């Protein structure tokens, strides 16, 4: 399994965990008095975020990404829904490379 394919899977998981934290766990804490929802969802999201950053660095080194692309992918991890767009664009780029071969 390539670094890029692992990264795409982690990007999806990180995006889902971020949305779960923002739109499920935070409201549960605020309106239902369930602080453990944020604790555990936040913990999982934190681990996935760290893995996301590590994999971005690995992809940058392995695939010789330009610094602009690398920074854009890193910034996208901070925005809700953006990791899904990153994964889709990387998937399309990989398809284009296969077709060109």
N, C-alpha and C. Protein backbone atom coordinates (compact mmCIF):
# COMPACT_ATOMS: atom_id res chain seq x y z
N UNK A 1 0.85 -1.18 0.00
CA UNK A 1 0.00 0.00 0.00
C UNK A 1 0.90 1.23 0.00
N UNK A 2 0.62 2.17 -0.88
CA UNK A 2 1.47 3.34 -1.01
C UNK A 2 1.17 4.38 0.08
N UNK A 3 2.12 5.26 0.27
CA UNK A 3 1.95 6.34 1.25
C UNK A 3 0.75 7.21 0.88
N UNK A 4 0.59 7.45 -0.42
CA UNK A 4 -0.52 8.30 -0.87
C UNK A 4 -1.87 7.65 -0.59
N UNK A 5 -1.98 6.35 -0.80
CA UNK A 5 -3.27 5.69 -0.54
C UNK A 5 -3.57 5.67 0.97
N UNK A 6 -2.55 5.50 1.78
CA UNK A 6 -2.76 5.58 3.24
C UNK A 6 -3.18 6.99 3.62
N UNK A 7 -2.50 7.98 3.03
CA UNK A 7 -2.84 9.37 3.34
C UNK A 7 -4.29 9.68 2.97
N UNK A 8 -4.75 9.21 1.82
CA UNK A 8 -6.13 9.49 1.41
C UNK A 8 -7.13 8.90 2.40
N UNK A 9 -6.84 7.70 2.90
CA UNK A 9 -7.73 7.07 3.89
C UNK A 9 -7.72 7.85 5.21
N UNK A 10 -6.54 8.28 5.61
CA UNK A 10 -6.44 9.05 6.86
C UNK A 10 -7.12 10.41 6.69
N UNK A 11 -7.02 11.02 5.51
CA UNK A 11 -7.68 12.31 5.26
C UNK A 11 -9.19 12.17 5.43
N UNK A 12 -9.76 11.09 4.92
CA UNK A 12 -11.21 10.86 5.08
C UNK A 12 -11.55 10.66 6.56
N UNK A 13 -10.79 9.83 7.24
CA UNK A 13 -11.05 9.57 8.67
C UNK A 13 -10.89 10.85 9.49
N UNK A 14 -9.87 11.64 9.19
CA UNK A 14 -9.64 12.89 9.91
C UNK A 14 -10.79 13.87 9.66
N UNK A 15 -11.25 13.93 8.43
CA UNK A 15 -12.39 14.80 8.12
C UNK A 15 -13.66 14.39 8.85
N UNK A 16 -13.91 13.08 8.88
CA UNK A 16 -15.09 12.57 9.59
C UNK A 16 -14.97 12.86 11.09
N UNK A 17 -13.79 12.64 11.65
CA UNK A 17 -13.63 12.88 13.09
C UNK A 17 -13.80 14.36 13.43
N UNK A 18 -13.33 15.24 12.54
CA UNK A 18 -13.48 16.69 12.77
C UNK A 18 -14.95 17.08 12.73
N UNK A 19 -15.68 16.57 11.75
CA UNK A 19 -17.11 16.88 11.67
C UNK A 19 -17.87 16.29 12.86
N UNK A 20 -17.51 15.09 13.27
CA UNK A 20 -18.15 14.48 14.45
C UNK A 20 -17.88 15.31 15.69
N UNK A 21 -16.67 15.81 15.81
CA UNK A 21 -16.33 16.65 16.96
C UNK A 21 -17.13 17.94 16.96
N UNK A 22 -17.20 18.60 15.80
CA UNK A 22 -17.88 19.89 15.71
C UNK A 22 -19.40 19.77 15.79
N UNK A 23 -19.97 18.78 15.09
CA UNK A 23 -21.43 18.76 14.94
C UNK A 23 -22.15 17.71 15.77
N UNK A 24 -21.41 16.83 16.43
CA UNK A 24 -22.05 15.84 17.30
C UNK A 24 -21.56 16.00 18.74
N UNK A 25 -20.26 15.89 18.94
CA UNK A 25 -19.72 15.89 20.31
C UNK A 25 -19.89 17.25 20.99
N UNK A 26 -19.58 18.33 20.29
CA UNK A 26 -19.70 19.66 20.92
C UNK A 26 -21.15 19.97 21.32
N UNK A 27 -22.14 19.73 20.43
CA UNK A 27 -23.53 19.94 20.87
C UNK A 27 -23.95 19.03 22.02
N UNK A 28 -23.45 17.78 22.02
CA UNK A 28 -23.77 16.88 23.13
C UNK A 28 -23.23 17.43 24.45
N UNK A 29 -22.04 17.99 24.41
CA UNK A 29 -21.46 18.58 25.62
C UNK A 29 -22.28 19.80 26.06
N UNK A 30 -22.60 20.64 25.10
CA UNK A 30 -23.27 21.90 25.42
C UNK A 30 -24.73 21.70 25.85
N UNK A 31 -25.46 20.88 25.09
CA UNK A 31 -26.91 20.80 25.30
C UNK A 31 -27.36 19.58 26.10
N UNK A 32 -26.54 18.53 26.13
CA UNK A 32 -26.94 17.32 26.85
C UNK A 32 -26.06 17.06 28.06
N UNK A 33 -25.09 17.94 28.30
CA UNK A 33 -24.22 17.77 29.46
C UNK A 33 -23.37 16.51 29.40
N UNK A 34 -22.86 16.20 28.22
CA UNK A 34 -22.06 14.99 28.04
C UNK A 34 -20.63 15.36 27.65
N UNK A 35 -19.81 15.77 28.62
CA UNK A 35 -18.45 16.20 28.28
C UNK A 35 -17.55 15.07 27.76
N UNK A 36 -17.89 13.82 28.09
CA UNK A 36 -17.06 12.71 27.61
C UNK A 36 -17.13 12.55 26.09
N UNK A 37 -18.21 13.01 25.48
CA UNK A 37 -18.30 12.94 24.01
C UNK A 37 -17.17 13.73 23.38
N UNK A 38 -16.89 14.92 23.91
CA UNK A 38 -15.80 15.75 23.39
C UNK A 38 -14.46 15.14 23.74
N UNK A 39 -14.36 14.60 24.94
CA UNK A 39 -13.08 14.03 25.37
C UNK A 39 -12.63 12.91 24.43
N UNK A 40 -13.50 11.95 24.16
CA UNK A 40 -13.11 10.80 23.36
C UNK A 40 -13.06 11.13 21.86
N UNK A 41 -14.00 11.89 21.38
CA UNK A 41 -13.97 12.29 19.97
C UNK A 41 -12.78 13.19 19.70
N UNK A 42 -12.51 14.10 20.62
CA UNK A 42 -11.35 14.99 20.48
C UNK A 42 -10.04 14.23 20.53
N UNK A 43 -9.96 13.22 21.36
CA UNK A 43 -8.77 12.39 21.46
C UNK A 43 -8.53 11.66 20.14
N UNK A 44 -9.58 11.06 19.60
CA UNK A 44 -9.46 10.34 18.32
C UNK A 44 -9.08 11.30 17.20
N UNK A 45 -9.73 12.46 17.18
CA UNK A 45 -9.43 13.45 16.15
C UNK A 45 -7.98 13.93 16.28
N UNK A 46 -7.51 14.13 17.47
CA UNK A 46 -6.14 14.57 17.68
C UNK A 46 -5.12 13.58 17.14
N UNK A 47 -5.35 12.30 17.39
CA UNK A 47 -4.47 11.27 16.85
C UNK A 47 -4.50 11.24 15.33
N UNK A 48 -5.70 11.33 14.77
CA UNK A 48 -5.82 11.33 13.30
C UNK A 48 -5.18 12.58 12.69
N UNK A 49 -5.30 13.72 13.37
CA UNK A 49 -4.68 14.95 12.87
C UNK A 49 -3.16 14.83 12.84
N UNK A 50 -2.59 14.27 13.91
CA UNK A 50 -1.14 14.08 13.96
C UNK A 50 -0.70 13.13 12.85
N UNK A 51 -1.44 12.05 12.66
CA UNK A 51 -1.13 11.11 11.59
C UNK A 51 -1.25 11.79 10.22
N UNK A 52 -2.26 12.63 10.05
CA UNK A 52 -2.46 13.39 8.81
C UNK A 52 -1.23 14.24 8.51
N UNK A 53 -0.75 14.98 9.49
CA UNK A 53 0.41 15.86 9.31
C UNK A 53 1.66 15.03 8.97
N UNK A 54 1.86 13.94 9.68
CA UNK A 54 3.01 13.07 9.41
C UNK A 54 2.95 12.54 7.98
N UNK A 55 1.78 12.12 7.55
CA UNK A 55 1.63 11.58 6.20
C UNK A 55 1.79 12.66 5.13
N UNK A 56 1.37 13.88 5.41
CA UNK A 56 1.60 14.98 4.47
C UNK A 56 3.10 15.17 4.28
N UNK A 57 3.83 15.16 5.37
CA UNK A 57 5.30 15.32 5.29
C UNK A 57 5.92 14.15 4.51
N UNK A 58 5.44 12.94 4.78
CA UNK A 58 5.96 11.78 4.05
C UNK A 58 5.65 11.87 2.55
N UNK A 59 4.43 12.30 2.20
CA UNK A 59 4.07 12.46 0.78
C UNK A 59 4.91 13.56 0.14
N UNK A 60 5.13 14.64 0.86
CA UNK A 60 5.96 15.74 0.35
C UNK A 60 7.36 15.24 -0.01
N UNK A 61 7.91 14.43 0.86
CA UNK A 61 9.26 13.91 0.62
C UNK A 61 9.27 12.83 -0.47
N UNK A 62 8.31 11.91 -0.41
CA UNK A 62 8.31 10.77 -1.33
C UNK A 62 7.89 11.16 -2.75
N UNK A 63 6.87 12.02 -2.85
CA UNK A 63 6.33 12.38 -4.17
C UNK A 63 6.82 13.73 -4.68
N UNK A 64 7.73 14.35 -3.94
CA UNK A 64 8.35 15.63 -4.33
C UNK A 64 7.28 16.71 -4.60
N UNK A 65 6.30 16.77 -3.66
CA UNK A 65 5.29 17.82 -3.78
C UNK A 65 5.95 19.18 -3.66
N UNK A 66 5.41 20.16 -4.37
CA UNK A 66 5.88 21.54 -4.21
C UNK A 66 5.44 22.03 -2.83
N UNK A 67 6.18 22.99 -2.31
CA UNK A 67 5.89 23.50 -0.96
C UNK A 67 4.49 24.13 -0.89
N UNK A 68 4.07 24.77 -1.99
CA UNK A 68 2.73 25.37 -2.01
C UNK A 68 1.63 24.33 -1.86
N UNK A 69 1.77 23.23 -2.58
CA UNK A 69 0.79 22.14 -2.48
C UNK A 69 0.79 21.56 -1.07
N UNK A 70 1.98 21.37 -0.53
CA UNK A 70 2.10 20.80 0.82
C UNK A 70 1.43 21.71 1.85
N UNK A 71 1.70 22.99 1.78
CA UNK A 71 1.09 23.94 2.72
C UNK A 71 -0.42 24.00 2.56
N UNK A 72 -0.89 23.95 1.31
CA UNK A 72 -2.33 23.98 1.06
C UNK A 72 -3.01 22.75 1.67
N UNK A 73 -2.40 21.59 1.48
CA UNK A 73 -2.96 20.36 2.06
C UNK A 73 -2.97 20.44 3.58
N UNK A 74 -1.94 21.02 4.17
CA UNK A 74 -1.89 21.18 5.63
C UNK A 74 -2.98 22.15 6.12
N UNK A 75 -3.15 23.26 5.42
CA UNK A 75 -4.18 24.24 5.81
C UNK A 75 -5.58 23.62 5.67
N UNK A 76 -5.75 22.80 4.65
CA UNK A 76 -7.06 22.16 4.46
C UNK A 76 -7.46 21.27 5.63
N UNK A 77 -6.49 20.78 6.37
CA UNK A 77 -6.83 19.94 7.52
C UNK A 77 -7.48 20.74 8.64
N UNK A 78 -7.38 22.06 8.57
CA UNK A 78 -7.95 22.92 9.60
C UNK A 78 -9.39 23.34 9.30
N UNK A 79 -9.86 23.08 8.09
CA UNK A 79 -11.18 23.52 7.66
C UNK A 79 -12.14 22.34 7.57
N UNK A 80 -13.36 22.48 8.12
CA UNK A 80 -14.33 21.39 7.98
C UNK A 80 -14.61 21.13 6.50
N UNK A 81 -14.78 19.91 6.12
CA UNK A 81 -15.08 19.42 4.78
C UNK A 81 -13.89 19.48 3.82
N UNK A 82 -12.85 20.25 4.11
CA UNK A 82 -11.72 20.38 3.19
C UNK A 82 -10.93 19.07 3.01
N UNK A 83 -10.74 18.24 4.04
CA UNK A 83 -10.01 16.98 3.79
C UNK A 83 -10.67 16.10 2.73
N UNK A 84 -11.99 16.19 2.61
CA UNK A 84 -12.69 15.41 1.58
C UNK A 84 -12.34 15.91 0.18
N UNK A 85 -12.22 17.23 0.05
CA UNK A 85 -11.85 17.84 -1.23
C UNK A 85 -10.41 17.46 -1.57
N UNK A 86 -9.53 17.50 -0.58
CA UNK A 86 -8.13 17.12 -0.80
C UNK A 86 -8.05 15.68 -1.29
N UNK A 87 -8.77 14.77 -0.63
CA UNK A 87 -8.73 13.37 -1.02
C UNK A 87 -9.23 13.19 -2.44
N UNK A 88 -10.31 13.89 -2.79
CA UNK A 88 -10.88 13.78 -4.14
C UNK A 88 -9.90 14.29 -5.18
N UNK A 89 -9.27 15.43 -4.92
CA UNK A 89 -8.30 15.99 -5.87
C UNK A 89 -7.08 15.09 -6.01
N UNK A 90 -6.61 14.52 -4.92
CA UNK A 90 -5.47 13.62 -5.00
C UNK A 90 -5.84 12.36 -5.77
N UNK A 91 -7.07 11.89 -5.58
CA UNK A 91 -7.54 10.71 -6.30
C UNK A 91 -7.59 11.00 -7.80
N UNK A 92 -8.12 12.17 -8.17
CA UNK A 92 -8.18 12.56 -9.58
C UNK A 92 -6.78 12.70 -10.17
N UNK A 93 -5.86 13.28 -9.40
CA UNK A 93 -4.48 13.43 -9.87
C UNK A 93 -3.80 12.10 -10.08
N UNK A 94 -4.08 11.13 -9.22
CA UNK A 94 -3.49 9.80 -9.37
C UNK A 94 -4.05 9.12 -10.61
N UNK A 95 -5.35 9.31 -10.89
CA UNK A 95 -5.95 8.74 -12.09
C UNK A 95 -5.33 9.33 -13.35
N UNK A 96 -5.08 10.64 -13.33
CA UNK A 96 -4.47 11.31 -14.48
C UNK A 96 -3.07 10.77 -14.73
N UNK A 97 -2.31 10.50 -13.66
CA UNK A 97 -0.96 9.97 -13.81
C UNK A 97 -0.98 8.56 -14.40
N UNK A 98 -1.96 7.76 -14.00
CA UNK A 98 -2.07 6.40 -14.53
C UNK A 98 -2.42 6.45 -16.01
N UNK A 99 -3.35 7.35 -16.40
CA UNK A 99 -3.75 7.49 -17.79
C UNK A 99 -2.60 7.96 -18.66
N UNK A 100 -1.74 8.83 -18.11
CA UNK A 100 -0.61 9.36 -18.87
C UNK A 100 0.46 8.30 -19.10
N UNK A 101 0.50 7.29 -18.26
CA UNK A 101 1.54 6.25 -18.40
C UNK A 101 1.29 5.34 -19.57
